[in-house]
Protein backbone atom coordinates (compact mmCIF):
# COMPACT_ATOMS: atom_id res chain seq x y z
CA MET A 1 89.84 113.21 77.96
CA THR A 2 91.81 109.96 77.89
CA ALA A 3 92.67 108.05 74.77
CA ALA A 4 90.32 105.14 74.12
CA ARG A 5 91.36 101.60 73.37
CA PRO A 6 90.32 100.40 69.98
CA GLY A 7 86.60 99.80 69.83
CA LEU A 8 85.91 101.69 73.10
CA PRO A 9 84.56 105.27 73.44
CA VAL A 10 86.78 108.10 74.64
CA ARG A 11 86.36 108.59 78.43
CA SER A 12 86.47 111.86 80.22
CA SER A 13 88.80 112.23 83.16
CA ASN A 14 88.39 113.70 86.67
CA HIS A 15 92.06 112.97 87.44
CA GLN A 16 94.13 116.02 88.39
CA GLU A 17 97.87 115.54 88.48
CA PRO A 18 99.24 117.05 91.77
CA HIS A 19 101.68 119.93 91.67
CA GLY A 20 103.81 120.84 94.66
CA ALA A 21 104.81 118.92 97.79
CA VAL A 22 101.58 119.35 99.72
CA ALA A 23 99.31 118.46 96.76
CA THR A 24 101.50 115.41 96.00
CA ALA A 25 101.40 114.34 99.68
CA ARG A 26 97.61 114.63 99.66
CA HIS A 27 97.32 112.71 96.44
CA TYR A 28 99.43 109.76 97.67
CA ILE A 29 98.49 109.89 101.38
CA ARG A 30 96.20 106.89 101.19
CA ASP A 31 98.96 104.76 99.57
CA VAL A 32 101.68 105.96 101.91
CA VAL A 33 99.69 105.47 105.10
CA TYR A 34 98.43 102.11 103.90
CA GLY A 35 101.93 100.91 103.01
CA ALA A 36 103.68 102.37 106.04
CA ASN A 37 101.14 100.99 108.47
CA ASP A 38 101.05 97.52 106.96
CA GLY A 39 104.87 97.52 106.67
CA LEU A 40 105.31 98.43 110.32
CA ILE A 41 102.66 96.11 111.61
CA THR A 42 103.46 93.05 109.59
CA THR A 43 107.21 93.36 110.15
CA PHE A 44 106.72 93.92 113.81
CA ALA A 45 104.35 90.92 113.83
CA VAL A 46 107.27 88.89 112.57
CA VAL A 47 109.49 90.18 115.41
CA ALA A 48 106.75 89.68 117.97
CA SER A 49 105.91 86.16 116.71
CA VAL A 50 109.56 85.12 116.78
CA ALA A 51 109.94 86.54 120.29
CA GLY A 52 106.68 84.87 121.38
CA GLY A 53 107.96 81.66 119.85
CA GLY A 54 111.28 81.84 121.62
CA LEU A 55 113.35 82.06 118.39
CA SER A 56 116.46 84.16 117.81
CA SER A 57 116.88 87.75 116.60
CA ARG A 58 118.59 86.26 113.55
CA ALA A 59 115.44 84.39 112.71
CA ALA A 60 113.46 87.57 113.02
CA LEU A 61 115.87 89.36 110.69
CA ILE A 62 115.77 86.64 108.05
CA VAL A 63 111.97 86.23 108.06
CA GLY A 64 111.51 90.02 108.44
CA VAL A 65 113.54 90.92 105.34
CA ALA A 66 111.89 88.23 103.30
CA ASN A 67 108.51 89.56 104.51
CA LEU A 68 109.46 93.16 103.65
CA LEU A 69 110.32 92.32 100.03
CA ALA A 70 107.58 89.73 99.31
CA ASP A 71 104.76 91.44 101.20
CA GLY A 72 105.80 94.91 100.05
CA LEU A 73 105.79 93.82 96.45
CA SER A 74 102.48 92.11 96.97
CA MET A 75 100.98 95.25 98.54
CA GLY A 76 102.24 97.47 95.71
CA VAL A 77 100.95 95.10 93.06
CA GLY A 78 97.66 94.71 94.93
CA ASN A 79 97.21 98.45 95.09
CA TYR A 80 97.97 98.78 91.37
CA LEU A 81 95.48 96.03 90.46
CA SER A 82 92.83 97.45 92.72
CA ILE A 83 93.07 100.86 91.15
CA ARG A 84 93.13 99.33 87.64
CA SER A 85 90.07 97.25 88.47
CA HIS A 86 88.22 100.28 89.87
CA GLU A 87 89.05 102.25 86.72
CA SER A 88 87.89 99.37 84.54
CA ALA A 89 84.61 99.24 86.40
CA LEU A 90 84.17 102.97 85.94
CA ALA A 91 84.85 102.54 82.24
CA ALA A 92 82.21 99.80 82.03
CA GLN A 93 79.77 102.23 83.43
CA ASN A 94 80.98 104.93 81.03
CA ARG A 95 81.98 107.08 84.03
CA PRO A 96 84.96 109.47 84.08
CA GLU A 97 88.47 108.25 84.94
CA GLU A 98 89.47 108.99 88.48
CA GLU A 99 93.11 107.91 88.52
CA ALA A 100 95.42 107.99 85.49
CA SER A 101 98.53 106.56 87.16
CA PRO A 102 97.82 103.35 89.07
CA ALA A 103 101.41 102.27 88.77
CA ARG A 104 102.65 105.31 90.71
CA HIS A 105 100.19 104.49 93.53
CA GLY A 106 101.49 100.89 93.62
CA LEU A 107 105.07 102.21 93.74
CA ALA A 108 104.16 104.63 96.60
CA THR A 109 102.61 101.75 98.55
CA PHE A 110 105.67 99.52 97.98
CA LEU A 111 108.19 102.17 98.91
CA ALA A 112 106.29 103.16 102.06
CA PHE A 113 105.94 99.49 103.07
CA VAL A 114 109.63 98.67 102.61
CA THR A 115 111.06 101.89 103.97
CA ILE A 116 108.91 102.30 107.10
CA GLY A 117 108.47 98.56 107.53
CA ALA A 118 112.21 98.16 108.02
CA VAL A 119 112.06 100.12 111.30
CA PRO A 120 111.11 97.08 113.53
CA LEU A 121 114.08 95.13 112.11
CA ILE A 122 116.74 97.66 113.05
CA PRO A 123 117.36 96.13 116.53
CA CYS A 124 117.75 92.71 114.94
CA VAL A 125 120.89 93.91 113.07
CA PHE A 126 122.73 94.52 116.32
CA GLY A 127 122.64 90.90 117.52
CA THR A 128 121.02 91.55 120.85
CA THR A 129 119.08 88.85 122.69
CA ALA A 130 115.58 88.05 121.44
CA SER A 131 113.96 89.73 124.46
CA GLU A 132 116.11 92.91 124.02
CA THR A 133 115.34 92.95 120.33
CA PHE A 134 111.60 92.61 120.99
CA VAL A 135 111.51 95.43 123.52
CA THR A 136 113.58 97.80 121.33
CA SER A 137 111.64 96.81 118.18
CA ALA A 138 108.37 97.48 120.01
CA ALA A 139 109.58 100.93 121.06
CA PHE A 140 110.77 101.80 117.55
CA THR A 141 107.51 100.47 116.02
CA PHE A 142 105.21 102.29 118.40
CA VAL A 143 107.05 105.62 118.13
CA THR A 144 107.00 105.33 114.35
CA LEU A 145 103.30 104.45 114.30
CA PHE A 146 102.59 107.56 116.33
CA LEU A 147 104.79 109.72 114.13
CA ILE A 148 103.29 108.47 110.88
CA GLY A 149 99.82 109.14 112.25
CA ALA A 150 100.78 112.58 113.47
CA MET A 151 102.45 113.45 110.16
CA ARG A 152 99.28 112.46 108.39
CA ALA A 153 97.66 115.45 110.04
CA THR A 154 99.94 117.86 108.14
CA VAL A 155 97.94 117.24 104.96
CA THR A 156 94.49 116.50 106.46
CA VAL A 157 92.03 118.12 108.83
CA ASP A 158 92.87 115.68 111.63
CA ARG A 159 94.50 116.82 114.88
CA TRP A 160 98.09 115.55 115.00
CA TRP A 161 97.87 113.94 118.42
CA ARG A 162 94.55 112.28 117.66
CA ALA A 163 95.75 110.89 114.33
CA GLY A 164 98.93 109.65 116.10
CA VAL A 165 97.12 108.01 118.96
CA GLU A 166 94.66 106.31 116.59
CA MET A 167 97.46 104.78 114.48
CA LEU A 168 99.36 103.81 117.67
CA ALA A 169 96.39 102.22 119.43
CA LEU A 170 95.45 100.07 116.45
CA GLY A 171 99.08 99.05 115.99
CA VAL A 172 99.35 97.96 119.64
CA ILE A 173 96.23 95.75 119.30
CA VAL A 174 97.67 94.01 116.23
CA ALA A 175 101.18 93.62 117.83
CA ALA A 176 99.63 92.09 120.95
CA ALA A 177 97.72 89.57 118.73
CA ALA A 178 100.86 88.67 116.84
CA PHE A 179 102.85 88.09 120.05
CA GLY A 180 99.99 86.08 121.51
CA ALA A 181 99.82 83.92 118.34
CA GLY A 182 103.52 83.15 118.53
CA ALA A 183 103.21 82.20 122.20
CA ILE A 184 100.16 80.01 121.57
CA VAL A 185 101.81 78.14 118.69
CA THR A 186 104.96 77.67 120.79
CA ALA A 187 102.90 76.19 123.64
CA LEU A 188 101.22 73.83 121.16
CA VAL A 189 104.29 72.62 119.23
CA GLY A 190 107.05 73.30 121.72
CA PRO A 191 109.98 75.72 121.71
CA GLY A 192 113.31 75.37 119.93
CA LEU A 193 112.43 75.16 116.23
């Protein structure tokens, strides 16, 4: 049972706190995969857009780091608010609580987004040309997408290679769209911003 706020009835709880590494990984898998995938894809989208737009690796690094912090925080807060809203809707229906720690889920999303999302920016740090940065960043991103998908299978019933290919394939589609968008905007407004 969870404590009630003044004037509200006491709610029962279906929440079970995870114990051990596997149980904890299963409990937070949704948040980690969501944050890691979005972090990788949106940060690589920055690198791809910058490359498609003919801008420098330095521009990709500046915009990418700003994206990591702002979008990562937004994702974490969004996940927290989403869970809080869901729990409030359950309370309005006098249904049992499902998640007692929305802040932990928001933190898990933020940390996964920032940590894994930094991978596409690694080549930008070394000051290579924009095209070299793009190619290396793509390789890092696609390998990481596959690995995150494959690792997901360690706590699910999915086959490792299928989960890896699924995450990789969807990431490639989004990356191609981001690169294409950068190229289209450059064609419309001209290079050299």
